């Protein structure tokens, strides 16, 4: 991989795609010359994104596309182009038109067509990049790979939207020289949609670098059970409504910390009334992971609201595991499989059952001392689960593709 030119492409920004940032660092650590195309989104993640770009400055060539509406004429033209392509795609069931999933796809496609630089490998993230990268790969005769972090044909409540995603997978991803997926079930479902696939496909779990975590600090007996949950957004549809419904029954026996971008209306309706609840704004990844040492239990409360949500292994569950926390997890298919592989690390419960949630939290409170006593052991047993080991699968895929493309 030494000296090879790898281009990473996403239709989101770096702050909301930590998996991509880890891949960029992995490629650099293996001696590749790295470039990345991403977007400035102008939302809550803007400051975190700029910090990541600053950290990468001088190490990678970063092309940052701006979707701000004030880009006036050019953005308006792209918006019209996107509208027309989607209408044509719907009318004629054309994958080439339907593959433009949003206006960022259109902007990315135009940017890639005008690029003068050549590469040895292109790595695409997020569904909006699939068609633009496929076209770029074909025109430049460069191999590409795709990372399936989420099962995109199973994310929408609209069957027609999921059908379009399945067509995109089937039409373009069969030409990828490798595929990675963030859970075994996501990989299985995706390969079924793609059909015949002749190249390597691997599950690469979204573990994090080991040095981002520190051994937990057990609290004294009088300190309430310390529970944490984090995500990009604190909002509806993430299992928090169900936790809110029972939280008042515990008073000072436990304290819950939520980390993420807070939706004001959700706060007023579900969270404001609780006195044993703390809310923190989004944190840089390393800072968040270091902070986990101050907690006892991590909530992995995926509601299974769609196919993807049921078959994904969330970042938070993996982070809790690496941090040595006791995990209280809803019993989605993916989380059940993961917890069964690591017995003793936590407990499963049906999120749709308030009595089961209450019983689970009561057991955690009652066993607070034992949970804290075993935190160091859980932390040590998880030591070999870091990104350092898991990323070897990805590095091997890259080396294999690059060696065949010499």
Protein backbone atom coordinates (compact mmCIF):
# COMPACT_ATOMS: atom_id res chain seq x y z
CA UNK A 1 0.00 0.00 0.00
CA UNK A 2 3.05 2.24 0.39
CA UNK A 3 2.77 5.21 -1.95
CA UNK A 4 -0.58 4.13 -3.40
CA UNK A 5 -3.13 6.90 -3.99
CA UNK A 6 -6.47 6.26 -2.28
CA UNK A 7 -9.48 8.55 -2.62
CA UNK A 8 -12.22 8.39 0.03
CA UNK A 9 -15.63 9.77 -0.92
CA UNK A 10 -18.70 10.58 1.16
CA UNK A 11 -21.84 12.67 0.74
CA UNK A 12 -21.80 13.63 4.41
CA UNK A 13 -19.14 15.30 6.55
CA UNK A 14 -16.35 13.74 8.58
CA UNK A 15 -17.78 14.55 12.00
CA UNK A 16 -20.88 12.44 11.38
CA UNK A 17 -18.89 9.59 9.83
CA UNK A 18 -16.29 8.45 12.40
CA UNK A 19 -15.90 5.13 10.57
CA UNK A 20 -14.62 6.99 7.51
CA UNK A 21 -12.15 8.99 9.65
CA UNK A 22 -10.77 5.72 11.05
CA UNK A 23 -10.33 4.39 7.51
CA UNK A 24 -8.49 7.54 6.47
CA UNK A 25 -6.10 7.17 9.40
CA UNK A 26 -5.65 3.47 8.64
CA UNK A 27 -4.67 4.22 5.05
CA UNK A 28 -2.18 6.87 6.18
CA UNK A 29 -0.70 4.51 8.78
CA UNK A 30 -0.11 1.99 5.98
CA UNK A 31 1.77 4.50 3.84
CA UNK A 32 -0.94 5.46 1.34
CA UNK A 33 -1.27 8.93 -0.16
CA UNK A 34 -4.77 9.87 0.96
CA UNK A 35 -7.34 12.25 -0.49
CA UNK A 36 -10.92 12.70 0.70
CA UNK A 37 -14.03 14.36 -0.72
CA UNK A 38 -16.62 15.33 1.88
CA UNK A 39 -19.22 18.03 2.49
CA UNK A 40 -19.75 20.95 4.82
CA UNK A 41 -23.30 20.57 6.11
CA UNK A 42 -23.69 23.73 8.18
CA UNK A 43 -25.51 21.93 11.00
CA UNK A 44 -24.78 21.09 14.66
CA UNK A 45 -21.69 19.08 13.63
CA UNK A 46 -19.93 22.00 11.89
CA UNK A 47 -17.49 22.86 14.70
CA UNK A 48 -16.55 19.21 15.26
CA UNK A 49 -16.06 18.76 11.52
CA UNK A 50 -13.72 21.75 11.26
CA UNK A 51 -11.65 20.35 14.13
CA UNK A 52 -11.22 17.03 12.29
CA UNK A 53 -10.25 18.85 9.09
CA UNK A 54 -7.66 20.84 11.04
CA UNK A 55 -6.20 17.62 12.47
CA UNK A 56 -5.90 16.17 8.95
CA UNK A 57 -4.41 19.32 7.43
CA UNK A 58 -1.03 18.64 5.86
CA UNK A 59 -1.59 14.87 6.07
CA UNK A 60 -4.32 14.38 3.46
CA UNK A 61 -5.63 16.30 0.47
CA UNK A 62 -9.14 17.30 1.50
CA UNK A 63 -11.75 18.47 -1.01
CA UNK A 64 -14.67 19.93 0.92
CA UNK A 65 -17.85 20.66 -1.02
CA UNK A 66 -20.33 23.18 0.35
CA UNK A 67 -24.08 22.62 0.20
CA UNK A 68 -25.02 26.02 1.60
CA UNK A 69 -28.06 27.41 -0.16
CA UNK A 70 -26.34 30.79 -0.48
CA UNK A 71 -24.18 29.35 -3.25
CA UNK A 72 -27.11 30.69 -5.28
CA UNK A 73 -27.02 29.96 -9.01
CA UNK A 74 -24.79 26.87 -8.97
CA UNK A 75 -26.74 25.28 -6.13
CA UNK A 76 -30.04 26.16 -7.81
CA UNK A 77 -28.90 24.51 -11.04
CA UNK A 78 -27.90 21.36 -9.13
CA UNK A 79 -31.24 21.36 -7.32
CA UNK A 80 -33.11 21.49 -10.63
CA UNK A 81 -30.87 18.80 -12.10
CA UNK A 82 -31.58 16.53 -9.13
CA UNK A 83 -35.34 17.11 -9.41
CA UNK A 84 -35.34 16.31 -13.13
CA UNK A 85 -33.18 13.19 -12.80
CA UNK A 86 -35.38 11.75 -10.05
CA UNK A 87 -38.55 12.40 -12.07
CA UNK A 88 -37.05 10.73 -15.14
CA UNK A 89 -35.79 7.86 -13.02
CA UNK A 90 -39.22 7.30 -11.50
CA UNK A 91 -40.95 7.48 -14.88
CA UNK A 92 -38.61 5.07 -16.67
CA UNK A 93 -37.26 3.00 -13.74
CA UNK A 94 -33.78 4.12 -14.78
CA UNK A 95 -31.10 3.25 -12.23
CA UNK A 96 -28.75 5.81 -13.79
CA UNK A 97 -31.20 8.53 -12.80
CA UNK A 98 -32.51 7.01 -9.58
CA UNK A 99 -28.94 6.51 -8.38
CA UNK A 100 -28.71 10.23 -7.70
CA UNK A 101 -30.11 9.95 -4.18
CA UNK A 102 -29.97 13.68 -3.34
CA UNK A 103 -28.52 16.99 -4.48
CA UNK A 104 -25.18 16.11 -2.93
CA UNK A 105 -24.97 13.17 -5.35
CA UNK A 106 -25.38 15.58 -8.26
CA UNK A 107 -22.74 17.95 -6.90
CA UNK A 108 -20.35 15.07 -6.21
CA UNK A 109 -20.87 13.60 -9.69
CA UNK A 110 -20.03 16.94 -11.30
CA UNK A 111 -16.95 17.38 -9.09
CA UNK A 112 -15.60 13.90 -9.90
CA UNK A 113 -16.10 14.36 -13.64
CA UNK A 114 -13.92 17.48 -13.48
CA UNK A 115 -11.13 15.98 -11.35
CA UNK A 116 -7.73 15.95 -13.05
CA UNK A 117 -6.00 13.76 -10.45
CA UNK A 118 -5.84 9.99 -10.83
CA UNK A 119 -5.95 7.33 -8.11
CA UNK A 120 -5.19 3.66 -7.51
CA UNK A 121 -8.34 2.97 -5.47
CA UNK A 122 -11.56 4.81 -4.61
CA UNK A 123 -13.39 4.01 -1.36
CA UNK A 124 -17.02 5.14 -1.22
CA UNK A 125 -19.14 5.73 1.88
CA UNK A 126 -22.88 6.51 2.06
CA UNK A 127 -25.42 5.61 -0.65
CA UNK A 128 -25.33 9.02 -2.34
CA UNK A 129 -21.76 8.34 -3.45
CA UNK A 130 -22.43 4.98 -5.13
CA UNK A 131 -23.45 6.11 -8.63
CA UNK A 132 -20.95 9.02 -8.88
CA UNK A 133 -18.08 6.77 -7.76
CA UNK A 134 -19.21 3.93 -10.05
CA UNK A 135 -19.14 6.34 -13.01
CA UNK A 136 -15.75 7.72 -11.96
CA UNK A 137 -14.39 4.18 -11.59
CA UNK A 138 -15.61 3.18 -15.05
CA UNK A 139 -14.34 6.29 -16.83
CA UNK A 140 -10.89 6.21 -15.16
CA UNK A 141 -10.57 2.40 -15.02
CA UNK A 142 -9.91 2.56 -11.27
CA UNK A 143 -11.17 -0.11 -8.83
CA UNK A 144 -13.58 0.99 -6.13
CA UNK A 145 -14.82 -0.43 -2.86
CA UNK A 146 -17.88 0.43 -0.81
CA UNK A 147 -18.47 0.41 2.94
CA UNK A 148 -22.02 -0.54 3.98
CA UNK A 149 -22.18 0.96 7.44
CA UNK A 150 -25.98 0.82 7.43
CA UNK A 151 -28.41 -1.34 5.49
CA UNK A 152 -29.74 1.48 3.33
CA UNK A 153 -32.51 -0.53 1.57
CA UNK A 154 -34.02 -1.08 5.02
CA UNK A 155 -33.92 2.43 6.48
CA UNK A 156 -37.09 4.02 5.10
CA UNK A 157 -40.74 3.55 6.04
CA UNK A 158 -41.57 4.02 2.33
CA UNK A 159 -41.37 0.76 0.33
CA UNK A 160 -40.65 2.61 -2.92
CA UNK A 161 -37.60 4.32 -1.37
CA UNK A 162 -36.23 1.00 -0.15
CA UNK A 163 -36.86 -0.51 -3.59
CA UNK A 164 -34.81 2.25 -5.24
CA UNK A 165 -31.95 1.52 -2.82
CA UNK A 166 -32.12 -2.19 -3.62
CA UNK A 167 -31.91 -1.38 -7.33
CA UNK A 168 -28.88 0.83 -6.70
CA UNK A 169 -27.18 -1.98 -4.75
CA UNK A 170 -27.99 -4.50 -7.48
CA UNK A 171 -26.98 -2.25 -10.37
CA UNK A 172 -23.66 -0.85 -9.15
CA UNK A 173 -22.21 -2.64 -6.13
CA UNK A 174 -21.67 -5.89 -8.02
CA UNK A 175 -18.81 -4.03 -9.76
CA UNK A 176 -17.10 -3.09 -6.48
CA UNK A 177 -13.78 -4.90 -5.98
CA UNK A 178 -14.61 -5.40 -2.31
CA UNK A 179 -17.38 -4.68 0.18
CA UNK A 180 -17.26 -4.13 3.91
CA UNK A 181 -20.24 -4.02 6.26
CA UNK A 182 -20.60 -2.91 9.87
CA UNK A 183 -22.45 -6.04 11.03
CA UNK A 184 -22.82 -9.65 9.87
CA UNK A 185 -26.56 -9.24 9.25
CA UNK A 186 -26.06 -6.05 7.23
CA UNK A 187 -23.59 -7.92 5.03
CA UNK A 188 -25.97 -10.86 4.55
CA UNK A 189 -28.92 -8.65 3.59
CA UNK A 190 -26.80 -6.52 1.25
CA UNK A 191 -25.35 -9.49 -0.62
CA UNK A 192 -28.87 -10.83 -1.14
CA UNK A 193 -29.83 -7.52 -2.78
CA UNK A 194 -26.70 -7.39 -4.93
CA UNK A 195 -27.15 -10.91 -6.22
CA UNK A 196 -24.05 -12.52 -7.71
CA UNK A 197 -20.90 -10.96 -6.22
CA UNK A 198 -17.49 -12.26 -7.30
CA UNK A 199 -15.22 -10.24 -5.02
CA UNK A 200 -14.36 -10.31 -1.29
CA UNK A 201 -16.95 -9.13 1.24
CA UNK A 202 -16.10 -8.77 4.93
CA UNK A 203 -17.77 -7.74 8.15
CA UNK A 204 -15.67 -5.03 9.80
CA UNK A 205 -17.17 -4.12 13.16
CA UNK A 206 -16.98 -0.48 14.10
CA UNK A 207 -14.60 -0.79 17.03
CA UNK A 208 -12.49 2.18 18.09
CA UNK A 209 -8.77 2.66 18.82
CA UNK A 210 -7.88 1.15 22.20
CA UNK A 211 -6.09 4.24 23.47
CA UNK A 212 -9.34 6.23 23.40
CA UNK A 213 -10.57 4.31 26.46
CA UNK A 214 -9.37 4.26 30.05
CA UNK A 215 -10.07 1.73 32.78
CA UNK A 216 -13.35 2.52 34.60
CA UNK A 217 -13.30 4.32 37.94
CA UNK A 218 -15.67 2.56 40.40
CA UNK A 219 -17.63 5.03 42.51
CA UNK A 220 -18.24 4.78 46.24
CA UNK A 221 -21.31 2.91 47.48
CA UNK A 222 -23.41 6.01 48.16
CA UNK A 223 -23.13 7.25 44.54
CA UNK A 224 -26.24 6.34 42.47
CA UNK A 225 -25.93 3.92 39.57
CA UNK A 226 -24.40 5.96 36.73
CA UNK A 227 -26.07 5.28 33.37
CA UNK A 228 -25.06 6.78 30.01
CA UNK A 229 -26.46 6.92 26.47
CA UNK A 230 -25.05 8.83 23.50
CA UNK A 231 -25.87 9.43 19.86
CA UNK A 232 -25.59 12.19 17.29
CA UNK A 233 -29.08 13.42 18.17
CA UNK A 234 -31.27 13.28 21.27
CA UNK A 235 -34.67 12.91 19.65
CA UNK A 236 -37.64 10.62 19.06
CA UNK A 237 -37.33 7.13 17.59
CA UNK A 238 -34.18 6.17 19.51
CA UNK A 239 -35.67 4.33 22.47
CA UNK A 240 -35.49 7.31 24.81
CA UNK A 241 -39.27 7.67 25.03
CA UNK A 242 -39.50 4.22 26.61
CA UNK A 243 -36.74 5.02 29.11
CA UNK A 244 -38.38 8.35 29.98
CA UNK A 245 -41.65 6.60 30.77
CA UNK A 246 -40.05 4.60 33.61
CA UNK A 247 -37.25 6.90 34.78
CA UNK A 248 -39.38 8.64 37.38
CA UNK A 249 -39.77 5.39 39.32
CA UNK A 250 -36.11 5.38 40.35
CA UNK A 251 -35.61 8.78 41.96
CA UNK A 252 -32.07 9.13 43.29
CA UNK A 253 -31.23 5.44 42.86
CA UNK A 254 -29.75 6.13 39.45
CA UNK A 255 -28.63 9.06 37.31
CA UNK A 256 -28.82 9.05 33.52
CA UNK A 257 -26.59 11.11 31.22
CA UNK A 258 -27.53 11.71 27.57
CA UNK A 259 -24.93 13.03 25.13
CA UNK A 260 -25.95 14.45 21.75
CA UNK A 261 -27.57 17.27 19.84
CA UNK A 262 -30.77 17.99 21.77
CA UNK A 263 -34.12 18.47 20.03
CA UNK A 264 -35.98 21.13 21.98
CA UNK A 265 -39.49 19.79 21.44
CA UNK A 266 -38.41 16.29 22.47
CA UNK A 267 -36.82 17.70 25.62
CA UNK A 268 -39.99 19.54 26.60
CA UNK A 269 -42.21 16.51 26.06
CA UNK A 270 -40.09 13.66 27.43
CA UNK A 271 -37.05 14.84 29.38
CA UNK A 272 -37.64 18.13 31.15
CA UNK A 273 -39.57 16.63 34.06
CA UNK A 274 -36.78 14.30 35.20
CA UNK A 275 -34.48 15.46 37.99
CA UNK A 276 -32.12 12.46 37.69
CA UNK A 277 -31.25 13.25 34.07
CA UNK A 278 -28.19 15.13 32.75
CA UNK A 279 -27.78 16.30 29.15
CA UNK A 280 -24.46 17.08 27.47
CA UNK A 281 -23.79 18.57 24.04
CA UNK A 282 -21.96 16.44 21.41
CA UNK A 283 -18.32 15.79 22.27
CA UNK A 284 -15.26 14.93 20.18
CA UNK A 285 -14.99 11.16 19.88
CA UNK A 286 -11.86 10.73 22.01
CA UNK A 287 -13.21 12.95 24.77
CA UNK A 288 -16.51 11.05 24.82
CA UNK A 289 -14.79 7.68 25.02
CA UNK A 290 -12.51 8.80 27.84
CA UNK A 291 -15.54 10.06 29.74
CA UNK A 292 -17.15 6.59 29.71
CA UNK A 293 -14.83 5.54 32.53
CA UNK A 294 -17.02 7.60 34.87
CA UNK A 295 -20.11 5.41 34.27
CA UNK A 296 -21.40 1.98 35.26
CA UNK A 297 -24.06 1.05 32.68
CA UNK A 298 -24.36 1.88 28.99
CA UNK A 299 -27.81 1.95 27.38
CA UNK A 300 -27.98 0.36 23.90
CA UNK A 301 -31.69 0.89 23.35
CA UNK A 302 -32.24 0.43 19.62
CA UNK A 303 -36.02 0.30 19.06
CA UNK A 304 -35.87 -1.88 15.94
CA UNK A 305 -37.90 0.77 14.12
CA UNK A 306 -36.84 -0.50 10.69
CA UNK A 307 -34.85 -3.38 9.20
CA UNK A 308 -31.55 -1.54 9.46
CA UNK A 309 -32.10 -0.61 13.09
CA UNK A 310 -32.74 -4.25 13.91
CA UNK A 311 -29.67 -5.67 12.18
CA UNK A 312 -27.09 -2.98 13.01
CA UNK A 313 -24.48 -3.24 15.77
CA UNK A 314 -24.41 0.33 17.02
CA UNK A 315 -21.28 2.36 17.72
CA UNK A 316 -22.44 2.94 21.27
CA UNK A 317 -22.67 -0.79 22.06
CA UNK A 318 -19.11 -1.36 20.84
CA UNK A 319 -17.85 1.68 22.76
CA UNK A 320 -19.52 0.49 25.98
CA UNK A 321 -17.90 -2.91 25.50
CA UNK A 322 -14.44 -1.45 24.99
CA UNK A 323 -14.90 0.89 27.97
CA UNK A 324 -15.77 -2.00 30.29
CA UNK A 325 -19.31 -0.81 31.02
CA UNK A 326 -22.16 -3.18 31.84
CA UNK A 327 -24.48 -3.06 28.81
CA UNK A 328 -28.28 -2.85 29.05
CA UNK A 329 -29.39 -3.63 25.50
CA UNK A 330 -32.71 -3.96 23.71
CA UNK A 331 -33.15 -7.38 22.14
CA UNK A 332 -32.87 -6.57 18.44
CA UNK A 333 -31.50 -9.45 16.30
CA UNK A 334 -28.04 -7.87 15.94
CA UNK A 335 -27.70 -6.85 19.58
CA UNK A 336 -28.90 -10.25 20.75
CA UNK A 337 -26.26 -11.99 18.62
CA UNK A 338 -23.54 -9.66 19.88
CA UNK A 339 -24.45 -10.02 23.55
CA UNK A 340 -24.68 -13.81 23.26
CA UNK A 341 -21.12 -13.80 21.93
CA UNK A 342 -19.96 -12.01 25.10
CA UNK A 343 -21.97 -13.46 27.99
CA UNK A 344 -21.61 -11.66 31.30
CA UNK A 345 -21.10 -8.24 29.71
CA UNK A 346 -24.69 -7.13 30.13
CA UNK A 347 -28.36 -7.93 29.88
CA UNK A 348 -30.97 -8.00 27.11
CA UNK A 349 -34.56 -6.81 27.45
CA UNK A 350 -37.56 -6.07 25.19
CA UNK A 351 -37.77 -2.31 24.77
CA UNK A 352 -41.50 -2.50 24.07
CA UNK A 353 -42.23 -3.81 27.57
CA UNK A 354 -42.21 -1.17 30.35
CA UNK A 355 -42.24 -3.88 33.08
CA UNK A 356 -39.16 -5.47 31.48
CA UNK A 357 -37.35 -2.12 31.35
CA UNK A 358 -38.18 -1.46 35.01
CA UNK A 359 -37.06 -4.94 36.04
CA UNK A 360 -33.79 -4.58 34.10
CA UNK A 361 -32.93 -1.23 35.68
CA UNK A 362 -33.97 -2.50 39.13
CA UNK A 363 -31.58 -5.44 38.74
CA UNK A 364 -28.79 -3.08 37.72
CA UNK A 365 -29.44 -0.87 40.75
CA UNK A 366 -29.58 -3.88 43.08
CA UNK A 367 -26.31 -5.24 41.64
CA UNK A 368 -24.55 -1.88 41.51
CA UNK A 369 -21.65 -3.04 43.69
CA UNK A 370 -21.02 -6.19 41.63
CA UNK A 371 -21.24 -4.26 38.35
CA UNK A 372 -18.59 -1.85 39.62
CA UNK A 373 -16.36 -4.59 41.01
CA UNK A 374 -16.16 -6.31 37.62
CA UNK A 375 -15.65 -3.18 35.50
CA UNK A 376 -11.87 -3.58 35.39
CA UNK A 377 -12.15 -7.21 34.32
CA UNK A 378 -14.63 -6.33 31.54
CA UNK A 379 -12.26 -3.60 30.37
CA UNK A 380 -9.27 -5.97 30.22
CA UNK A 381 -11.21 -8.73 28.46
CA UNK A 382 -12.27 -6.25 25.75
CA UNK A 383 -8.69 -5.14 25.07
CA UNK A 384 -8.32 -7.29 21.96
CA UNK A 385 -11.54 -5.89 20.43
CA UNK A 386 -10.07 -2.58 19.30
CA UNK A 387 -9.88 -1.07 15.83
CA UNK A 388 -6.21 -2.07 15.71
CA UNK A 389 -7.18 -5.74 15.29
CA UNK A 390 -10.47 -5.32 13.40
CA UNK A 391 -8.97 -2.96 10.81
CA UNK A 392 -6.50 -5.63 9.65
CA UNK A 393 -9.37 -7.13 7.62
CA UNK A 394 -9.77 -3.86 5.74
CA UNK A 395 -6.05 -3.31 5.22
CA UNK A 396 -5.78 -6.81 3.76
CA UNK A 397 -8.65 -6.08 1.35
CA UNK A 398 -6.98 -2.88 0.18
CA UNK A 399 -3.63 -4.62 -0.32
CA UNK A 400 -5.30 -7.40 -2.29
CA UNK A 401 -7.13 -5.00 -4.61
CA UNK A 402 -4.09 -2.77 -5.11
CA UNK A 403 -1.77 -5.70 -5.86
CA UNK A 404 -4.12 -6.97 -8.58
CA UNK A 405 -4.35 -3.51 -10.13
CA UNK A 406 -0.61 -3.06 -10.68
